[in-house]
Amino acid sequence: MENNTVFLPVADAYDRWSAFYDSYPNPMVFAASLVLPRAFHPAAGLDVFEFGCGTGRNLEALRQLGARNLAGCDLSLGMLAVARARNAGAVLLQHDITQPLPLAPASYDAALFSLTLEHLPALAPPLRHAARILRPGGRIVIIEIHPFLSAGGVAAHFDHHGEEVRMPTYPHQFAAWLNAFAEAGLRSTLCREWSPRSLGLPQPLANLKRGPDFPLAVEFHVAV
């Protein structure tokens, strides 16, 4: 049988995905969209920076939740074009999140990583960069594929014109997260696991194939 899987660098894959990312039936994005408002309750008045903001759907949700100043960065110009179209007034940068941001320290109340860090082999560097831009008392919110799923091979991918497009991903387990927090000089203040039942039914069938109580996503809050 012909293998129609193609492997692309992360930015190239998301450039290709950007035109239909928000309409693509992605069960993990659906789960993360349900976690986000709970993770940022309350959000009123917060200045938030998102690392790997993609199409800006999370920034738009945060604006609707009452966040004040919103900004983000992404490696993909295609994703940023969509994000700029839907988030007028937001500061959006093309940037590699493994590198320090060209922003002043203590500029934001919160930083968000959502379905982003699976693309990096090392977790600590972007967490350090996030910590640098936080004001005293700020927090980093992480929403990611649950380690049980990533250990089983679940990772970002999509189908397009008869091809399965894959990109670099890394299955981070709980020890990797905890060690990265320590390496970055951060302390974990919350770890919450989300299953279809805890997110609230109904869910896409893809999220239910392991049962309603199998964890889909993990949410961490960390602070300096």
N, C-alpha and C. Protein backbone atom coordinates (compact mmCIF):
# COMPACT_ATOMS: atom_id res chain seq x y z
N MET A 1 0.85 -1.20 0.00
CA MET A 1 0.00 0.00 0.00
C MET A 1 0.88 1.25 0.00
N GLU A 2 0.52 2.24 -0.80
CA GLU A 2 1.31 3.46 -0.89
C GLU A 2 1.23 4.25 0.41
N ASN A 3 2.39 4.72 0.85
CA ASN A 3 2.44 5.52 2.07
C ASN A 3 2.25 6.99 1.70
N ASN A 4 1.12 7.56 2.12
CA ASN A 4 0.81 8.94 1.79
C ASN A 4 1.07 9.88 2.96
N THR A 5 1.97 9.49 3.87
CA THR A 5 2.34 10.35 4.98
C THR A 5 3.53 11.21 4.59
N VAL A 6 3.42 12.52 4.87
CA VAL A 6 4.53 13.43 4.63
C VAL A 6 4.93 14.06 5.96
N PHE A 7 6.23 14.28 6.13
CA PHE A 7 6.76 14.90 7.35
C PHE A 7 7.32 16.27 6.99
N LEU A 8 6.84 17.29 7.68
CA LEU A 8 7.24 18.65 7.40
C LEU A 8 7.79 19.31 8.67
N PRO A 9 8.66 20.31 8.53
CA PRO A 9 9.02 21.13 9.69
C PRO A 9 7.78 21.77 10.28
N VAL A 10 7.85 22.11 11.56
CA VAL A 10 6.66 22.61 12.26
C VAL A 10 6.05 23.82 11.56
N ALA A 11 6.88 24.82 11.23
CA ALA A 11 6.33 26.03 10.61
C ALA A 11 5.69 25.73 9.26
N ASP A 12 6.32 24.87 8.47
CA ASP A 12 5.76 24.53 7.16
C ASP A 12 4.43 23.79 7.30
N ALA A 13 4.37 22.87 8.27
CA ALA A 13 3.13 22.12 8.48
C ALA A 13 1.99 23.05 8.88
N TYR A 14 2.26 23.98 9.80
CA TYR A 14 1.19 24.87 10.24
C TYR A 14 0.85 25.92 9.19
N ASP A 15 1.82 26.31 8.37
CA ASP A 15 1.47 27.19 7.24
C ASP A 15 0.44 26.50 6.35
N ARG A 16 0.67 25.22 6.09
CA ARG A 16 -0.25 24.46 5.24
C ARG A 16 -1.60 24.27 5.92
N TRP A 17 -1.60 24.10 7.22
CA TRP A 17 -2.81 23.83 8.00
C TRP A 17 -3.63 25.09 8.25
N SER A 18 -2.98 26.25 8.18
CA SER A 18 -3.60 27.48 8.66
C SER A 18 -4.90 27.82 7.95
N ALA A 19 -5.00 27.51 6.67
CA ALA A 19 -6.19 27.90 5.89
C ALA A 19 -7.46 27.21 6.37
N PHE A 20 -7.32 26.05 7.02
CA PHE A 20 -8.51 25.31 7.45
C PHE A 20 -8.37 24.77 8.87
N TYR A 21 -7.42 25.27 9.64
CA TYR A 21 -7.19 24.77 10.99
C TYR A 21 -8.43 24.89 11.87
N ASP A 22 -9.08 26.04 11.82
CA ASP A 22 -10.21 26.28 12.72
C ASP A 22 -11.46 25.48 12.35
N SER A 23 -11.54 25.00 11.12
CA SER A 23 -12.68 24.19 10.71
C SER A 23 -12.37 22.70 10.70
N TYR A 24 -11.11 22.35 10.99
CA TYR A 24 -10.69 20.95 10.95
C TYR A 24 -11.21 20.24 12.19
N PRO A 25 -11.75 19.00 12.06
CA PRO A 25 -12.28 18.29 13.23
C PRO A 25 -11.15 17.73 14.11
N ASN A 26 -10.65 18.58 15.00
CA ASN A 26 -9.51 18.23 15.85
C ASN A 26 -10.00 18.02 17.28
N PRO A 27 -10.05 16.78 17.75
CA PRO A 27 -10.62 16.52 19.08
C PRO A 27 -9.82 17.14 20.22
N MET A 28 -8.48 17.26 20.04
CA MET A 28 -7.68 17.86 21.11
C MET A 28 -7.92 19.36 21.20
N VAL A 29 -8.06 20.01 20.06
CA VAL A 29 -8.37 21.44 20.08
C VAL A 29 -9.73 21.67 20.73
N PHE A 30 -10.69 20.78 20.45
CA PHE A 30 -12.01 20.87 21.08
C PHE A 30 -11.86 20.76 22.60
N ALA A 31 -11.08 19.79 23.07
CA ALA A 31 -10.89 19.62 24.51
C ALA A 31 -10.22 20.85 25.11
N ALA A 32 -9.16 21.33 24.47
CA ALA A 32 -8.44 22.50 25.00
C ALA A 32 -9.34 23.72 25.06
N SER A 33 -10.26 23.86 24.11
CA SER A 33 -11.16 25.01 24.11
C SER A 33 -12.11 24.99 25.31
N LEU A 34 -12.40 23.80 25.83
CA LEU A 34 -13.24 23.69 27.02
C LEU A 34 -12.45 23.92 28.30
N VAL A 35 -11.16 23.58 28.27
CA VAL A 35 -10.31 23.79 29.45
C VAL A 35 -10.00 25.28 29.64
N LEU A 36 -9.78 25.99 28.53
CA LEU A 36 -9.29 27.37 28.60
C LEU A 36 -10.12 28.28 29.51
N PRO A 37 -11.45 28.37 29.36
CA PRO A 37 -12.19 29.30 30.22
C PRO A 37 -12.17 28.90 31.69
N ARG A 38 -11.98 27.64 31.97
CA ARG A 38 -11.89 27.21 33.36
C ARG A 38 -10.51 27.55 33.93
N ALA A 39 -9.50 27.45 33.08
CA ALA A 39 -8.14 27.76 33.52
C ALA A 39 -7.96 29.25 33.79
N PHE A 40 -8.74 30.09 33.09
CA PHE A 40 -8.61 31.54 33.23
C PHE A 40 -9.86 32.14 33.86
N HIS A 41 -10.38 31.50 34.88
CA HIS A 41 -11.53 32.05 35.59
C HIS A 41 -11.07 32.58 36.94
N PRO A 42 -11.11 33.89 37.15
CA PRO A 42 -11.58 34.93 36.22
C PRO A 42 -10.43 35.45 35.36
N ALA A 43 -10.78 36.02 34.20
CA ALA A 43 -9.78 36.58 33.29
C ALA A 43 -9.87 38.09 33.19
N ALA A 44 -10.88 38.67 33.78
CA ALA A 44 -11.13 40.11 33.63
C ALA A 44 -9.91 40.92 34.05
N GLY A 45 -9.49 41.82 33.16
CA GLY A 45 -8.40 42.73 33.48
C GLY A 45 -7.01 42.19 33.30
N LEU A 46 -6.86 40.93 32.92
CA LEU A 46 -5.53 40.34 32.79
C LEU A 46 -4.86 40.74 31.48
N ASP A 47 -3.55 40.94 31.53
CA ASP A 47 -2.73 41.07 30.33
C ASP A 47 -2.10 39.70 30.09
N VAL A 48 -2.37 39.09 28.92
CA VAL A 48 -1.98 37.70 28.65
C VAL A 48 -1.16 37.62 27.38
N PHE A 49 -0.08 36.85 27.45
CA PHE A 49 0.74 36.55 26.28
C PHE A 49 0.67 35.06 26.00
N GLU A 50 0.34 34.70 24.74
CA GLU A 50 0.27 33.28 24.37
C GLU A 50 1.46 32.88 23.52
N PHE A 51 2.16 31.85 23.94
CA PHE A 51 3.28 31.28 23.20
C PHE A 51 2.73 30.21 22.25
N GLY A 52 2.92 30.42 20.96
CA GLY A 52 2.34 29.51 19.97
C GLY A 52 0.86 29.79 19.82
N CYS A 53 0.54 31.02 19.43
CA CYS A 53 -0.87 31.46 19.45
C CYS A 53 -1.67 30.93 18.27
N GLY A 54 -1.02 30.35 17.25
CA GLY A 54 -1.75 29.77 16.13
C GLY A 54 -2.67 30.77 15.46
N THR A 55 -3.91 30.36 15.23
CA THR A 55 -4.88 31.21 14.54
C THR A 55 -5.50 32.27 15.44
N GLY A 56 -5.06 32.35 16.68
CA GLY A 56 -5.58 33.37 17.59
C GLY A 56 -6.90 33.03 18.24
N ARG A 57 -7.34 31.78 18.11
CA ARG A 57 -8.63 31.42 18.68
C ARG A 57 -8.63 31.54 20.21
N ASN A 58 -7.51 31.21 20.86
CA ASN A 58 -7.45 31.34 22.31
C ASN A 58 -7.44 32.80 22.73
N LEU A 59 -6.73 33.64 21.99
CA LEU A 59 -6.71 35.07 22.31
C LEU A 59 -8.11 35.66 22.18
N GLU A 60 -8.83 35.25 21.15
CA GLU A 60 -10.20 35.72 20.98
C GLU A 60 -11.08 35.27 22.15
N ALA A 61 -10.91 34.02 22.59
CA ALA A 61 -11.67 33.52 23.73
C ALA A 61 -11.33 34.30 25.00
N LEU A 62 -10.06 34.61 25.19
CA LEU A 62 -9.65 35.37 26.38
C LEU A 62 -10.21 36.79 26.35
N ARG A 63 -10.26 37.38 25.17
CA ARG A 63 -10.87 38.71 25.05
C ARG A 63 -12.34 38.65 25.45
N GLN A 64 -13.03 37.60 25.01
CA GLN A 64 -14.44 37.46 25.36
C GLN A 64 -14.63 37.21 26.86
N LEU A 65 -13.59 36.66 27.51
CA LEU A 65 -13.64 36.43 28.95
C LEU A 65 -13.25 37.67 29.75
N GLY A 66 -12.87 38.74 29.05
CA GLY A 66 -12.58 39.99 29.74
C GLY A 66 -11.13 40.34 29.91
N ALA A 67 -10.21 39.57 29.30
CA ALA A 67 -8.79 39.91 29.38
C ALA A 67 -8.58 41.29 28.76
N ARG A 68 -7.56 42.00 29.24
CA ARG A 68 -7.38 43.40 28.86
C ARG A 68 -6.48 43.53 27.64
N ASN A 69 -5.19 43.32 27.81
CA ASN A 69 -4.22 43.42 26.72
C ASN A 69 -3.78 42.02 26.32
N LEU A 70 -3.86 41.71 25.03
CA LEU A 70 -3.56 40.38 24.54
C LEU A 70 -2.44 40.44 23.52
N ALA A 71 -1.56 39.46 23.58
CA ALA A 71 -0.44 39.39 22.64
C ALA A 71 -0.05 37.93 22.48
N GLY A 72 0.71 37.66 21.43
CA GLY A 72 1.14 36.29 21.21
C GLY A 72 2.21 36.21 20.15
N CYS A 73 2.74 35.01 20.01
CA CYS A 73 3.75 34.76 18.98
C CYS A 73 3.52 33.38 18.38
N ASP A 74 4.02 33.21 17.18
CA ASP A 74 3.95 31.91 16.51
C ASP A 74 5.07 31.86 15.48
N LEU A 75 5.48 30.64 15.15
CA LEU A 75 6.52 30.45 14.14
C LEU A 75 5.95 30.50 12.73
N SER A 76 4.67 30.21 12.58
CA SER A 76 4.03 30.09 11.27
C SER A 76 3.41 31.41 10.83
N LEU A 77 3.88 31.92 9.70
CA LEU A 77 3.30 33.14 9.16
C LEU A 77 1.85 32.93 8.73
N GLY A 78 1.54 31.74 8.24
CA GLY A 78 0.18 31.44 7.84
C GLY A 78 -0.78 31.51 9.02
N MET A 79 -0.40 30.94 10.14
CA MET A 79 -1.25 30.99 11.33
C MET A 79 -1.38 32.43 11.83
N LEU A 80 -0.28 33.18 11.80
CA LEU A 80 -0.32 34.56 12.27
C LEU A 80 -1.24 35.42 11.41
N ALA A 81 -1.28 35.16 10.11
CA ALA A 81 -2.17 35.93 9.24
C ALA A 81 -3.63 35.76 9.67
N VAL A 82 -4.00 34.53 10.01
CA VAL A 82 -5.37 34.28 10.48
C VAL A 82 -5.59 34.95 11.84
N ALA A 83 -4.58 34.85 12.72
CA ALA A 83 -4.69 35.44 14.06
C ALA A 83 -4.86 36.95 13.98
N ARG A 84 -4.13 37.59 13.07
CA ARG A 84 -4.23 39.05 12.96
C ARG A 84 -5.60 39.47 12.44
N ALA A 85 -6.17 38.67 11.56
CA ALA A 85 -7.48 39.00 11.00
C ALA A 85 -8.58 38.92 12.05
N ARG A 86 -8.41 38.08 13.06
CA ARG A 86 -9.48 37.90 14.05
C ARG A 86 -9.20 38.64 15.35
N ASN A 87 -8.00 39.19 15.53
CA ASN A 87 -7.63 39.84 16.79
C ASN A 87 -7.04 41.22 16.52
N ALA A 88 -7.85 42.12 16.00
CA ALA A 88 -7.40 43.48 15.76
C ALA A 88 -6.97 44.11 17.09
N GLY A 89 -5.81 44.71 17.09
CA GLY A 89 -5.32 45.36 18.30
C GLY A 89 -4.38 44.50 19.12
N ALA A 90 -4.36 43.21 18.90
CA ALA A 90 -3.43 42.34 19.62
C ALA A 90 -2.02 42.46 19.03
N VAL A 91 -1.02 42.40 19.87
CA VAL A 91 0.38 42.42 19.42
C VAL A 91 0.77 40.99 19.07
N LEU A 92 1.08 40.73 17.80
CA LEU A 92 1.37 39.38 17.34
C LEU A 92 2.71 39.36 16.62
N LEU A 93 3.60 38.46 17.06
CA LEU A 93 4.97 38.41 16.57
C LEU A 93 5.26 37.06 15.94
N GLN A 94 6.05 37.05 14.86
CA GLN A 94 6.62 35.79 14.41
C GLN A 94 7.87 35.55 15.26
N HIS A 95 7.89 34.41 15.96
CA HIS A 95 8.98 34.19 16.92
C HIS A 95 9.11 32.71 17.24
N ASP A 96 10.34 32.27 17.43
CA ASP A 96 10.67 30.92 17.87
C ASP A 96 10.66 30.92 19.40
N ILE A 97 9.76 30.16 20.00
CA ILE A 97 9.58 30.24 21.46
C ILE A 97 10.73 29.62 22.25
N THR A 98 11.68 29.01 21.57
CA THR A 98 12.88 28.54 22.27
C THR A 98 13.85 29.69 22.52
N GLN A 99 13.58 30.87 21.93
CA GLN A 99 14.46 32.03 22.06
C GLN A 99 13.79 33.11 22.91
N PRO A 100 14.60 33.95 23.58
CA PRO A 100 14.01 35.02 24.40
C PRO A 100 13.15 35.97 23.56
N LEU A 101 12.06 36.42 24.14
CA LEU A 101 11.18 37.37 23.46
C LEU A 101 11.74 38.78 23.52
N PRO A 102 11.52 39.57 22.46
CA PRO A 102 11.96 40.97 22.48
C PRO A 102 10.96 41.85 23.23
N LEU A 103 10.71 41.48 24.48
CA LEU A 103 9.74 42.20 25.31
C LEU A 103 10.37 42.54 26.64
N ALA A 104 9.88 43.61 27.26
CA ALA A 104 10.39 44.01 28.56
C ALA A 104 9.99 43.00 29.63
N PRO A 105 10.83 42.82 30.64
CA PRO A 105 10.43 41.96 31.76
C PRO A 105 9.19 42.52 32.46
N ALA A 106 8.48 41.62 33.15
CA ALA A 106 7.33 42.00 33.98
C ALA A 106 6.30 42.80 33.18
N SER A 107 5.94 42.28 31.98
CA SER A 107 4.99 42.97 31.10
C SER A 107 3.58 42.38 31.15
N TYR A 108 3.44 41.13 31.65
CA TYR A 108 2.16 40.43 31.54
C TYR A 108 1.80 39.77 32.87
N ASP A 109 0.50 39.57 33.05
CA ASP A 109 0.00 38.90 34.25
C ASP A 109 0.00 37.39 34.09
N ALA A 110 -0.12 36.91 32.85
CA ALA A 110 -0.20 35.47 32.62
C ALA A 110 0.39 35.14 31.26
N ALA A 111 0.91 33.93 31.15
CA ALA A 111 1.39 33.39 29.88
C ALA A 111 0.67 32.08 29.63
N LEU A 112 0.37 31.81 28.38
CA LEU A 112 -0.37 30.60 28.00
C LEU A 112 0.41 29.79 26.97
N PHE A 113 0.48 28.48 27.21
CA PHE A 113 0.94 27.50 26.23
C PHE A 113 -0.21 26.51 26.04
N SER A 114 -0.74 26.39 24.83
CA SER A 114 -1.82 25.45 24.57
C SER A 114 -1.50 24.61 23.35
N LEU A 115 -1.32 23.32 23.55
CA LEU A 115 -1.02 22.37 22.47
C LEU A 115 0.16 22.86 21.63
N THR A 116 1.16 23.35 22.32
CA THR A 116 2.34 23.95 21.68
C THR A 116 3.62 23.23 22.06
N LEU A 117 3.77 22.90 23.34
CA LEU A 117 5.05 22.40 23.83
C LEU A 117 5.34 20.97 23.39
N GLU A 118 4.34 20.26 22.83
CA GLU A 118 4.63 18.92 22.30
C GLU A 118 5.61 18.99 21.13
N HIS A 119 5.79 20.16 20.53
CA HIS A 119 6.67 20.29 19.38
C HIS A 119 8.13 20.55 19.77
N LEU A 120 8.42 20.62 21.07
CA LEU A 120 9.78 20.93 21.51
C LEU A 120 10.36 19.77 22.30
N PRO A 121 11.64 19.45 22.06
CA PRO A 121 12.27 18.38 22.84
C PRO A 121 12.59 18.80 24.27
N ALA A 122 12.83 20.10 24.49
CA ALA A 122 13.19 20.61 25.82
C ALA A 122 12.14 21.60 26.27
N LEU A 123 11.58 21.39 27.44
CA LEU A 123 10.49 22.22 27.94
C LEU A 123 10.96 23.45 28.70
N ALA A 124 12.11 23.37 29.35
CA ALA A 124 12.53 24.44 30.26
C ALA A 124 12.80 25.78 29.57
N PRO A 125 13.46 25.83 28.39
CA PRO A 125 13.77 27.15 27.82
C PRO A 125 12.56 28.04 27.58
N PRO A 126 11.49 27.58 26.91
CA PRO A 126 10.35 28.50 26.73
C PRO A 126 9.67 28.87 28.05
N LEU A 127 9.73 27.98 29.03
CA LEU A 127 9.15 28.31 30.33
C LEU A 127 9.93 29.44 31.00
N ARG A 128 11.26 29.42 30.86
CA ARG A 128 12.07 30.51 31.39
C ARG A 128 11.71 31.84 30.71
N HIS A 129 11.55 31.78 29.39
CA HIS A 129 11.22 33.01 28.67
C HIS A 129 9.85 33.53 29.09
N ALA A 130 8.92 32.63 29.37
CA ALA A 130 7.60 33.04 29.85
C ALA A 130 7.71 33.67 31.24
N ALA A 131 8.50 33.06 32.10
CA ALA A 131 8.64 33.58 33.46
C ALA A 131 9.22 34.99 33.46
N ARG A 132 10.11 35.27 32.53
CA ARG A 132 10.77 36.58 32.50
C ARG A 132 9.79 37.71 32.22
N ILE A 133 8.75 37.44 31.44
CA ILE A 133 7.82 38.53 31.08
C ILE A 133 6.65 38.65 32.07
N LEU A 134 6.64 37.81 33.12
CA LEU A 134 5.54 37.86 34.08
C LEU A 134 5.78 38.89 35.17
N ARG A 135 4.71 39.55 35.55
CA ARG A 135 4.75 40.44 36.71
C ARG A 135 4.75 39.62 37.99
N PRO A 136 5.16 40.22 39.11
CA PRO A 136 5.08 39.50 40.39
C PRO A 136 3.67 38.97 40.63
N GLY A 137 3.58 37.71 41.01
CA GLY A 137 2.28 37.07 41.22
C GLY A 137 1.67 36.50 39.96
N GLY A 138 2.37 36.63 38.82
CA GLY A 138 1.85 36.09 37.57
C GLY A 138 1.94 34.59 37.50
N ARG A 139 1.32 34.02 36.47
CA ARG A 139 1.31 32.56 36.35
C ARG A 139 1.44 32.15 34.89
N ILE A 140 1.94 30.95 34.70
CA ILE A 140 2.00 30.31 33.40
C ILE A 140 0.95 29.22 33.39
N VAL A 141 0.08 29.23 32.39
CA VAL A 141 -0.95 28.21 32.22
C VAL A 141 -0.56 27.34 31.03
N ILE A 142 -0.56 26.03 31.24
CA ILE A 142 -0.19 25.07 30.20
C ILE A 142 -1.37 24.12 30.00
N ILE A 143 -1.81 23.96 28.76
CA ILE A 143 -2.84 22.99 28.40
C ILE A 143 -2.25 22.11 27.31
N GLU A 144 -2.10 20.83 27.60
CA GLU A 144 -1.41 19.95 26.66
C GLU A 144 -2.09 18.59 26.56
N ILE A 145 -1.73 17.86 25.51
CA ILE A 145 -2.16 16.46 25.39
C ILE A 145 -1.72 15.71 26.63
N HIS A 146 -2.61 14.91 27.19
CA HIS A 146 -2.26 14.17 28.40
C HIS A 146 -1.10 13.21 28.13
N PRO A 147 -0.16 13.09 29.08
CA PRO A 147 0.98 12.18 28.87
C PRO A 147 0.59 10.75 28.52
N PHE A 148 -0.54 10.26 29.03
CA PHE A 148 -0.96 8.90 28.68
C PHE A 148 -1.23 8.78 27.18
N LEU A 149 -1.85 9.82 26.60
CA LEU A 149 -2.13 9.80 25.18
C LEU A 149 -0.86 9.96 24.36
N SER A 150 -0.01 10.90 24.74
CA SER A 150 1.20 11.12 23.96
C SER A 150 2.12 9.91 24.00
N ALA A 151 2.11 9.18 25.13
CA ALA A 151 2.91 7.95 25.20
C ALA A 151 2.38 6.89 24.25
N GLY A 152 1.10 6.97 23.93
CA GLY A 152 0.49 6.02 23.01
C GLY A 152 0.57 6.45 21.56
N GLY A 153 1.27 7.55 21.29
CA GLY A 153 1.47 7.97 19.91
C GLY A 153 0.54 9.04 19.41
N VAL A 154 -0.35 9.56 20.26
CA VAL A 154 -1.24 10.64 19.84
C VAL A 154 -0.43 11.93 19.76
N ALA A 155 -0.49 12.60 18.60
CA ALA A 155 0.29 13.82 18.39
C ALA A 155 -0.36 14.61 17.27
N ALA A 156 0.03 15.87 17.16
CA ALA A 156 -0.53 16.75 16.14
C ALA A 156 -0.28 16.19 14.74
N HIS A 157 -1.33 16.16 13.93
CA HIS A 157 -1.24 15.75 12.53
C HIS A 157 -2.56 16.13 11.85
N PHE A 158 -2.57 16.12 10.53
CA PHE A 158 -3.81 16.40 9.82
C PHE A 158 -3.75 15.78 8.43
N ASP A 159 -4.94 15.63 7.83
CA ASP A 159 -5.06 15.10 6.48
C ASP A 159 -5.37 16.24 5.52
N HIS A 160 -4.72 16.20 4.34
CA HIS A 160 -4.93 17.28 3.37
C HIS A 160 -4.63 16.76 1.98
N HIS A 161 -5.63 16.81 1.11
CA HIS A 161 -5.47 16.38 -0.29
C HIS A 161 -4.88 14.96 -0.39
N GLY A 162 -5.42 14.06 0.42
CA GLY A 162 -5.01 12.67 0.35
C GLY A 162 -3.71 12.35 1.05
N GLU A 163 -3.12 13.31 1.74
CA GLU A 163 -1.88 13.07 2.49
C GLU A 163 -2.11 13.26 3.98
N GLU A 164 -1.46 12.43 4.77
CA GLU A 164 -1.40 12.66 6.22
C GLU A 164 -0.14 13.46 6.49
N VAL A 165 -0.31 14.65 7.04
CA VAL A 165 0.83 15.53 7.31
C VAL A 165 1.21 15.42 8.78
N ARG A 166 2.45 15.08 9.01
CA ARG A 166 2.99 15.00 10.38
C ARG A 166 4.17 15.93 10.50
N MET A 167 4.51 16.23 11.75
CA MET A 167 5.57 17.20 12.06
C MET A 167 6.30 16.74 13.32
N PRO A 168 7.42 17.34 13.68
CA PRO A 168 8.12 16.92 14.90
C PRO A 168 7.25 17.08 16.15
N THR A 169 7.15 16.01 16.93
CA THR A 169 6.46 16.05 18.23
C THR A 169 7.24 15.19 19.21
N TYR A 170 7.06 15.48 20.50
CA TYR A 170 7.80 14.79 21.55
C TYR A 170 6.84 14.44 22.68
N PRO A 171 6.77 13.15 23.07
CA PRO A 171 5.80 12.72 24.09
C PRO A 171 6.31 12.97 25.51
N HIS A 172 6.05 14.14 26.05
CA HIS A 172 6.50 14.49 27.39
C HIS A 172 5.64 13.81 28.46
N GLN A 173 6.30 13.12 29.37
CA GLN A 173 5.61 12.47 30.47
C GLN A 173 5.67 13.36 31.72
N PHE A 174 4.97 12.95 32.78
CA PHE A 174 4.87 13.80 33.96
C PHE A 174 6.23 14.13 34.55
N ALA A 175 7.16 13.19 34.57
CA ALA A 175 8.49 13.46 35.11
C ALA A 175 9.18 14.56 34.33
N ALA A 176 9.00 14.56 33.00
CA ALA A 176 9.61 15.60 32.17
C ALA A 176 9.05 16.98 32.52
N TRP A 177 7.76 17.05 32.74
CA TRP A 177 7.16 18.32 33.12
C TRP A 177 7.69 18.79 34.47
N LEU A 178 7.68 17.92 35.46
CA LEU A 178 8.12 18.33 36.80
C LEU A 178 9.59 18.73 36.80
N ASN A 179 10.41 17.99 36.07
CA ASN A 179 11.83 18.33 36.00
C ASN A 179 12.04 19.65 35.28
N ALA A 180 11.24 19.91 34.24
CA ALA A 180 11.36 21.18 33.52
C ALA A 180 10.97 22.36 34.40
N PHE A 181 9.93 22.20 35.20
CA PHE A 181 9.53 23.28 36.12
C PHE A 181 10.68 23.58 37.08
N ALA A 182 11.29 22.54 37.62
CA ALA A 182 12.40 22.74 38.56
C ALA A 182 13.59 23.38 37.85
N GLU A 183 13.90 22.92 36.65
CA GLU A 183 15.04 23.45 35.90
C GLU A 183 14.84 24.92 35.57
N ALA A 184 13.61 25.32 35.31
CA ALA A 184 13.31 26.71 34.97
C ALA A 184 13.10 27.58 36.21
N GLY A 185 13.25 27.00 37.41
CA GLY A 185 13.07 27.76 38.64
C GLY A 185 11.62 28.10 38.94
N LEU A 186 10.70 27.23 38.50
CA LEU A 186 9.28 27.46 38.68
C LEU A 186 8.69 26.46 39.66
N ARG A 187 7.57 26.82 40.25
CA ARG A 187 6.88 25.88 41.14
C ARG A 187 5.48 25.63 40.59
N SER A 188 5.08 24.38 40.65
CA SER A 188 3.76 24.00 40.18
C SER A 188 2.73 24.33 41.26
N THR A 189 1.68 25.04 40.85
CA THR A 189 0.62 25.38 41.80
C THR A 189 -0.66 24.62 41.53
N LEU A 190 -0.76 23.99 40.34
CA LEU A 190 -1.96 23.21 40.02
C LEU A 190 -1.63 22.22 38.92
N CYS A 191 -2.15 21.01 39.08
CA CYS A 191 -2.11 20.00 38.02
C CYS A 191 -3.49 19.36 37.97
N ARG A 192 -4.15 19.49 36.81
CA ARG A 192 -5.50 18.96 36.68
C ARG A 192 -5.58 18.13 35.41
N GLU A 193 -6.16 16.93 35.53
CA GLU A 193 -6.33 16.04 34.39
C GLU A 193 -7.79 16.12 33.93
N TRP A 194 -7.96 16.19 32.61
CA TRP A 194 -9.28 16.36 32.04
C TRP A 194 -9.66 15.17 31.17
N SER A 195 -10.79 14.56 31.48
CA SER A 195 -11.36 13.46 30.70
C SER A 195 -12.62 13.97 30.00
N PRO A 196 -13.17 13.19 29.05
CA PRO A 196 -14.43 13.63 28.43
C PRO A 196 -15.54 13.90 29.45
N ARG A 197 -15.61 13.05 30.49
CA ARG A 197 -16.67 13.25 31.49
C ARG A 197 -16.45 14.54 32.28
N SER A 198 -15.21 14.82 32.66
CA SER A 198 -14.96 16.02 33.45
C SER A 198 -15.08 17.28 32.61
N LEU A 199 -14.80 17.17 31.31
CA LEU A 199 -14.98 18.31 30.41
C LEU A 199 -16.45 18.61 30.16
N GLY A 200 -17.25 17.57 30.26
CA GLY A 200 -18.68 17.72 30.00
C GLY A 200 -19.07 17.09 28.68
N LEU A 201 -20.01 16.20 28.72
CA LEU A 201 -20.50 15.54 27.52
C LEU A 201 -21.60 16.40 26.88
N PRO A 202 -21.81 16.31 25.56
CA PRO A 202 -21.21 15.37 24.62
C PRO A 202 -19.82 15.79 24.17
N GLN A 203 -19.08 14.82 23.69
CA GLN A 203 -17.74 15.03 23.16
C GLN A 203 -17.65 14.40 21.78
N PRO A 204 -16.68 14.84 20.95
CA PRO A 204 -16.46 14.14 19.67
C PRO A 204 -16.20 12.66 19.91
N LEU A 205 -16.65 11.82 19.01
CA LEU A 205 -16.47 10.38 19.17
C LEU A 205 -15.00 10.01 19.33
N ALA A 206 -14.11 10.74 18.67
CA ALA A 206 -12.68 10.45 18.79
C ALA A 206 -12.20 10.60 20.23
N ASN A 207 -12.82 11.50 20.99
CA ASN A 207 -12.42 11.68 22.39
C ASN A 207 -12.98 10.61 23.31
N LEU A 208 -13.96 9.85 22.83
CA LEU A 208 -14.63 8.86 23.67
C LEU A 208 -14.19 7.43 23.39
N LYS A 209 -13.31 7.23 22.41
CA LYS A 209 -13.00 5.86 22.02
C LYS A 209 -12.25 5.08 23.09
N ARG A 210 -11.63 5.78 24.05
CA ARG A 210 -10.96 5.09 25.16
C ARG A 210 -11.83 5.09 26.42
N GLY A 211 -13.04 5.61 26.30
CA GLY A 211 -13.96 5.67 27.43
C GLY A 211 -14.09 7.08 27.97
N PRO A 212 -15.19 7.37 28.66
CA PRO A 212 -15.45 8.73 29.13
C PRO A 212 -14.53 9.21 30.24
N ASP A 213 -13.79 8.30 30.88
CA ASP A 213 -12.95 8.69 32.01
C ASP A 213 -11.46 8.62 31.70
N PHE A 214 -11.11 8.29 30.43
CA PHE A 214 -9.69 8.25 30.07
C PHE A 214 -9.22 9.70 29.86
N PRO A 215 -8.12 10.09 30.51
CA PRO A 215 -7.71 11.50 30.43
C PRO A 215 -7.25 11.91 29.03
N LEU A 216 -7.70 13.09 28.61
CA LEU A 216 -7.36 13.63 27.29
C LEU A 216 -6.32 14.73 27.38
N ALA A 217 -6.49 15.61 28.35
CA ALA A 217 -5.64 16.80 28.45
C ALA A 217 -5.15 16.95 29.87
N VAL A 218 -4.01 17.64 30.00
CA VAL A 218 -3.49 17.99 31.32
C VAL A 218 -3.35 19.50 31.37
N GLU A 219 -3.67 20.07 32.52
CA GLU A 219 -3.57 21.51 32.75
C GLU A 219 -2.61 21.74 33.91
N PHE A 220 -1.58 22.53 33.68
CA PHE A 220 -0.65 22.93 34.74
C PHE A 220 -0.73 24.45 34.92
N HIS A 221 -0.62 24.89 36.17
CA HIS A 221 -0.36 26.28 36.46
C HIS A 221 0.97 26.32 37.22
N VAL A 222 1.87 27.19 36.79
CA VAL A 222 3.17 27.29 37.45
C VAL A 222 3.48 28.76 37.69
N ALA A 223 4.29 29.01 38.70
CA ALA A 223 4.62 30.38 39.09
C ALA A 223 6.09 30.45 39.46
N VAL A 224 6.62 31.67 39.44
CA VAL A 224 8.02 31.88 39.81
C VAL A 224 8.16 31.69 41.32
